[in-house]
Every structure is written in structure tokens, then in C-alpha cells.
């Protein structure tokens, strides 16, 4: 993946994070009963799904930011302690 592609994807996910955060805040604050993002309508019952989608968008945004800055994707590392 080139830096240009990473930058474009970063900008996409950054805008998506902004939209999802606005939607979640509007629903959580209770000022509205439903919220519309482009052609998608969300209600208070969708907050759990919205939270998962927001976390995924933030993870993707961070991943593309690292690629854009010359780093590598995040890698999960596990540690299993053993008692010999």
C-alpha cells in the first residue's frame, strides 16, 4: 500500500469517526430520538452497534495513520506466563 492510498483511507476513516461520534453524542444526550447519517437512520436502540462501529473505525484510522507515517500496522502480541 502506498502512502497516498494510506492517506486517502485515513481521511475517509477520520471523517467516518467524526460522523459516528456526532451521532452517538446526539443519541446519548437524549436531545433526539433518531439520527440520520447519509441514508442510514439510527435510534437509541442502535447505540451498542454504533459503539462497535466507532471502535472499529478508530482502530482502522490509527492503522492507516501509522502506515501513512511510515510505520507498520499494529500487531497484537500475547504473553502466556508458565510456571515450570
N, C-alpha and C. Protein backbone atom coordinates (compact mmCIF):
# COMPACT_ATOMS: atom_id res chain seq x y z
N UNK A 1 0.84 -1.17 0.00
CA UNK A 1 0.00 0.00 0.00
C UNK A 1 0.89 1.24 0.00
N UNK A 2 0.58 2.18 -0.85
CA UNK A 2 1.37 3.41 -0.92
C UNK A 2 0.92 4.39 0.14
N UNK A 3 1.75 5.39 0.37
CA UNK A 3 1.39 6.41 1.36
C UNK A 3 0.17 7.21 0.92
N UNK A 4 0.01 7.41 -0.38
CA UNK A 4 -1.15 8.14 -0.89
C UNK A 4 -2.44 7.37 -0.59
N UNK A 5 -2.41 6.07 -0.82
CA UNK A 5 -3.58 5.23 -0.52
C UNK A 5 -3.87 5.24 0.99
N UNK A 6 -2.82 5.15 1.78
CA UNK A 6 -2.98 5.17 3.23
C UNK A 6 -3.57 6.51 3.69
N UNK A 7 -3.11 7.60 3.06
CA UNK A 7 -3.62 8.93 3.41
C UNK A 7 -5.10 9.06 3.06
N UNK A 8 -5.49 8.55 1.89
CA UNK A 8 -6.89 8.62 1.48
C UNK A 8 -7.78 7.81 2.41
N UNK A 9 -7.33 6.63 2.78
CA UNK A 9 -8.10 5.79 3.70
C UNK A 9 -8.14 6.41 5.10
N UNK A 10 -7.05 7.02 5.51
CA UNK A 10 -7.02 7.70 6.81
C UNK A 10 -8.05 8.82 6.83
N UNK A 11 -8.10 9.63 5.77
CA UNK A 11 -9.04 10.74 5.70
C UNK A 11 -10.49 10.23 5.70
N UNK A 12 -10.73 9.12 5.00
CA UNK A 12 -12.06 8.53 4.99
C UNK A 12 -12.48 8.10 6.39
N UNK A 13 -11.62 7.36 7.08
CA UNK A 13 -11.96 6.88 8.42
C UNK A 13 -12.01 8.02 9.43
N UNK A 14 -11.22 9.07 9.23
CA UNK A 14 -11.27 10.22 10.12
C UNK A 14 -12.63 10.91 10.00
N UNK A 15 -13.12 11.08 8.78
CA UNK A 15 -14.45 11.67 8.58
C UNK A 15 -15.54 10.77 9.15
N UNK A 16 -15.37 9.46 8.97
CA UNK A 16 -16.35 8.50 9.50
C UNK A 16 -16.40 8.54 11.02
N UNK A 17 -15.24 8.63 11.65
CA UNK A 17 -15.19 8.73 13.11
C UNK A 17 -15.92 9.98 13.58
N UNK A 18 -15.71 11.10 12.90
CA UNK A 18 -16.40 12.34 13.27
C UNK A 18 -17.92 12.18 13.18
N UNK A 19 -18.40 11.59 12.09
CA UNK A 19 -19.84 11.41 11.90
C UNK A 19 -20.42 10.46 12.96
N UNK A 20 -19.72 9.38 13.23
CA UNK A 20 -20.21 8.42 14.21
C UNK A 20 -20.22 9.00 15.62
N UNK A 21 -19.21 9.81 15.94
CA UNK A 21 -19.15 10.44 17.27
C UNK A 21 -20.30 11.43 17.44
N UNK A 22 -20.58 12.22 16.39
CA UNK A 22 -21.69 13.17 16.47
C UNK A 22 -23.01 12.43 16.66
N UNK A 23 -23.19 11.33 15.93
CA UNK A 23 -24.42 10.55 16.05
C UNK A 23 -24.56 9.98 17.45
N UNK A 24 -23.49 9.41 17.97
CA UNK A 24 -23.55 8.80 19.30
C UNK A 24 -23.83 9.85 20.37
N UNK A 25 -23.16 10.99 20.29
CA UNK A 25 -23.40 12.04 21.27
C UNK A 25 -24.83 12.55 21.22
N UNK A 26 -25.37 12.70 20.03
CA UNK A 26 -26.75 13.18 19.90
C UNK A 26 -27.73 12.18 20.51
N UNK A 27 -27.48 10.89 20.29
CA UNK A 27 -28.37 9.87 20.83
C UNK A 27 -28.22 9.71 22.34
N UNK A 28 -26.99 9.80 22.83
CA UNK A 28 -26.74 9.63 24.26
C UNK A 28 -27.26 10.82 25.06
N UNK A 29 -27.08 12.02 24.53
CA UNK A 29 -27.54 13.21 25.23
C UNK A 29 -29.06 13.24 25.36
N UNK A 30 -29.74 12.50 24.51
CA UNK A 30 -31.18 12.43 24.61
C UNK A 30 -31.91 13.57 23.93
N UNK A 31 -31.19 14.40 23.21
CA UNK A 31 -31.83 15.51 22.53
C UNK A 31 -32.64 15.07 21.32
N UNK A 32 -32.34 13.90 20.79
CA UNK A 32 -33.05 13.38 19.62
C UNK A 32 -33.42 11.93 19.87
N UNK A 33 -34.46 11.47 19.17
CA UNK A 33 -34.86 10.07 19.27
C UNK A 33 -34.24 9.24 18.16
N UNK A 34 -33.91 9.90 17.05
CA UNK A 34 -33.25 9.20 15.96
C UNK A 34 -32.27 10.16 15.31
N UNK A 35 -31.29 9.60 14.62
CA UNK A 35 -30.24 10.38 13.98
C UNK A 35 -29.98 9.77 12.62
N UNK A 36 -29.74 10.60 11.62
CA UNK A 36 -29.52 10.11 10.27
C UNK A 36 -28.11 10.47 9.80
N UNK A 37 -27.40 9.46 9.32
CA UNK A 37 -26.10 9.64 8.69
C UNK A 37 -26.28 9.21 7.25
N UNK A 38 -26.23 10.18 6.34
CA UNK A 38 -26.48 9.95 4.92
C UNK A 38 -27.80 9.21 4.74
N UNK A 39 -27.80 7.96 4.32
CA UNK A 39 -29.05 7.23 4.08
C UNK A 39 -29.39 6.27 5.23
N UNK A 40 -28.67 6.37 6.33
CA UNK A 40 -28.83 5.44 7.44
C UNK A 40 -29.49 6.14 8.62
N UNK A 41 -30.52 5.53 9.16
CA UNK A 41 -31.21 6.10 10.31
C UNK A 41 -30.90 5.27 11.55
N UNK A 42 -30.51 5.96 12.62
CA UNK A 42 -30.14 5.30 13.88
C UNK A 42 -31.07 5.76 14.99
N UNK A 43 -31.32 4.88 15.93
CA UNK A 43 -32.12 5.24 17.10
C UNK A 43 -31.33 4.90 18.36
N UNK A 44 -31.92 5.16 19.51
CA UNK A 44 -31.24 4.87 20.78
C UNK A 44 -30.94 3.38 20.93
N UNK A 45 -31.75 2.56 20.31
CA UNK A 45 -31.54 1.11 20.40
C UNK A 45 -30.30 0.65 19.63
N UNK A 46 -29.76 1.49 18.77
CA UNK A 46 -28.60 1.15 17.96
C UNK A 46 -27.29 1.60 18.59
N UNK A 47 -27.31 2.07 19.83
CA UNK A 47 -26.10 2.62 20.45
C UNK A 47 -25.00 1.56 20.58
N UNK A 48 -25.35 0.33 20.93
CA UNK A 48 -24.32 -0.72 21.06
C UNK A 48 -23.65 -0.99 19.72
N UNK A 49 -24.44 -1.10 18.65
CA UNK A 49 -23.87 -1.31 17.32
C UNK A 49 -23.04 -0.11 16.89
N UNK A 50 -23.52 1.07 17.22
CA UNK A 50 -22.81 2.30 16.88
C UNK A 50 -21.47 2.36 17.60
N UNK A 51 -21.44 1.94 18.86
CA UNK A 51 -20.20 1.92 19.63
C UNK A 51 -19.18 0.96 19.01
N UNK A 52 -19.63 -0.22 18.62
CA UNK A 52 -18.72 -1.19 17.98
C UNK A 52 -18.18 -0.64 16.67
N UNK A 53 -19.06 -0.03 15.88
CA UNK A 53 -18.64 0.54 14.60
C UNK A 53 -17.66 1.68 14.81
N UNK A 54 -17.89 2.49 15.82
CA UNK A 54 -16.99 3.60 16.13
C UNK A 54 -15.61 3.09 16.55
N UNK A 55 -15.58 2.07 17.40
CA UNK A 55 -14.30 1.49 17.83
C UNK A 55 -13.53 0.91 16.65
N UNK A 56 -14.23 0.25 15.74
CA UNK A 56 -13.59 -0.31 14.55
C UNK A 56 -13.05 0.80 13.65
N UNK A 57 -13.81 1.87 13.48
CA UNK A 57 -13.37 2.99 12.64
C UNK A 57 -12.14 3.66 13.25
N UNK A 58 -12.11 3.80 14.57
CA UNK A 58 -10.95 4.40 15.23
C UNK A 58 -9.72 3.51 15.06
N UNK A 59 -9.91 2.20 15.19
CA UNK A 59 -8.80 1.26 15.02
C UNK A 59 -8.25 1.35 13.59
N UNK A 60 -9.15 1.39 12.61
CA UNK A 60 -8.71 1.48 11.21
C UNK A 60 -8.02 2.80 10.94
N UNK A 61 -8.56 3.90 11.49
CA UNK A 61 -7.94 5.21 11.29
C UNK A 61 -6.52 5.22 11.84
N UNK A 62 -6.33 4.67 13.03
CA UNK A 62 -5.00 4.61 13.64
C UNK A 62 -4.05 3.74 12.82
N UNK A 63 -4.58 2.66 12.27
CA UNK A 63 -3.77 1.75 11.45
C UNK A 63 -3.28 2.47 10.19
N UNK A 64 -4.16 3.20 9.53
CA UNK A 64 -3.75 3.91 8.31
C UNK A 64 -2.88 5.11 8.62
N UNK A 65 -3.05 5.71 9.80
CA UNK A 65 -2.17 6.80 10.19
C UNK A 65 -0.74 6.28 10.37
N UNK A 66 -0.61 5.10 10.98
CA UNK A 66 0.71 4.50 11.15
C UNK A 66 1.34 4.18 9.80
N UNK A 67 0.55 3.63 8.87
CA UNK A 67 1.07 3.32 7.54
C UNK A 67 1.47 4.60 6.80
N UNK A 68 0.68 5.64 6.97
CA UNK A 68 0.95 6.91 6.30
C UNK A 68 2.25 7.53 6.81
N UNK A 69 2.55 7.32 8.09
CA UNK A 69 3.75 7.90 8.68
C UNK A 69 4.96 6.98 8.60
N UNK A 70 4.85 5.92 7.83
CA UNK A 70 5.99 5.04 7.62
C UNK A 70 6.09 3.90 8.60
N UNK A 71 5.16 3.78 9.49
CA UNK A 71 5.18 2.69 10.46
C UNK A 71 4.54 1.45 9.87
N UNK A 72 4.32 0.50 10.70
CA UNK A 72 3.65 -0.71 10.25
C UNK A 72 2.34 -0.85 11.01
N UNK A 73 1.52 -1.75 10.54
CA UNK A 73 0.25 -1.99 11.20
C UNK A 73 0.50 -2.48 12.62
N UNK A 74 -0.45 -2.22 13.48
CA UNK A 74 -0.33 -2.71 14.85
C UNK A 74 -0.40 -4.22 14.84
N UNK A 75 0.37 -4.78 15.70
CA UNK A 75 0.36 -6.23 15.83
C UNK A 75 0.00 -6.58 17.27
N UNK A 76 -0.89 -7.51 17.40
CA UNK A 76 -1.26 -7.96 18.74
C UNK A 76 -0.21 -8.97 19.20
N UNK A 77 0.23 -8.77 20.42
CA UNK A 77 1.24 -9.66 20.99
C UNK A 77 0.67 -10.21 22.29
N UNK A 78 0.79 -11.50 22.42
CA UNK A 78 0.28 -12.13 23.64
C UNK A 78 1.42 -12.68 24.48
N UNK A 79 1.18 -12.77 25.75
CA UNK A 79 2.17 -13.29 26.68
C UNK A 79 1.47 -14.31 27.56
N UNK A 80 1.98 -15.51 27.56
CA UNK A 80 1.40 -16.57 28.36
C UNK A 80 2.41 -16.99 29.42
N UNK A 81 2.16 -16.61 30.67
CA UNK A 81 3.10 -16.99 31.73
C UNK A 81 2.98 -18.49 32.03
N UNK A 82 4.12 -19.09 32.28
CA UNK A 82 4.12 -20.52 32.59
C UNK A 82 4.91 -20.75 33.88
N UNK A 83 4.41 -21.64 34.64
CA UNK A 83 5.08 -21.97 35.88
C UNK A 83 5.71 -23.35 35.70
N UNK A 84 7.00 -23.41 35.54
CA UNK A 84 7.67 -24.70 35.26
C UNK A 84 7.95 -25.36 36.53
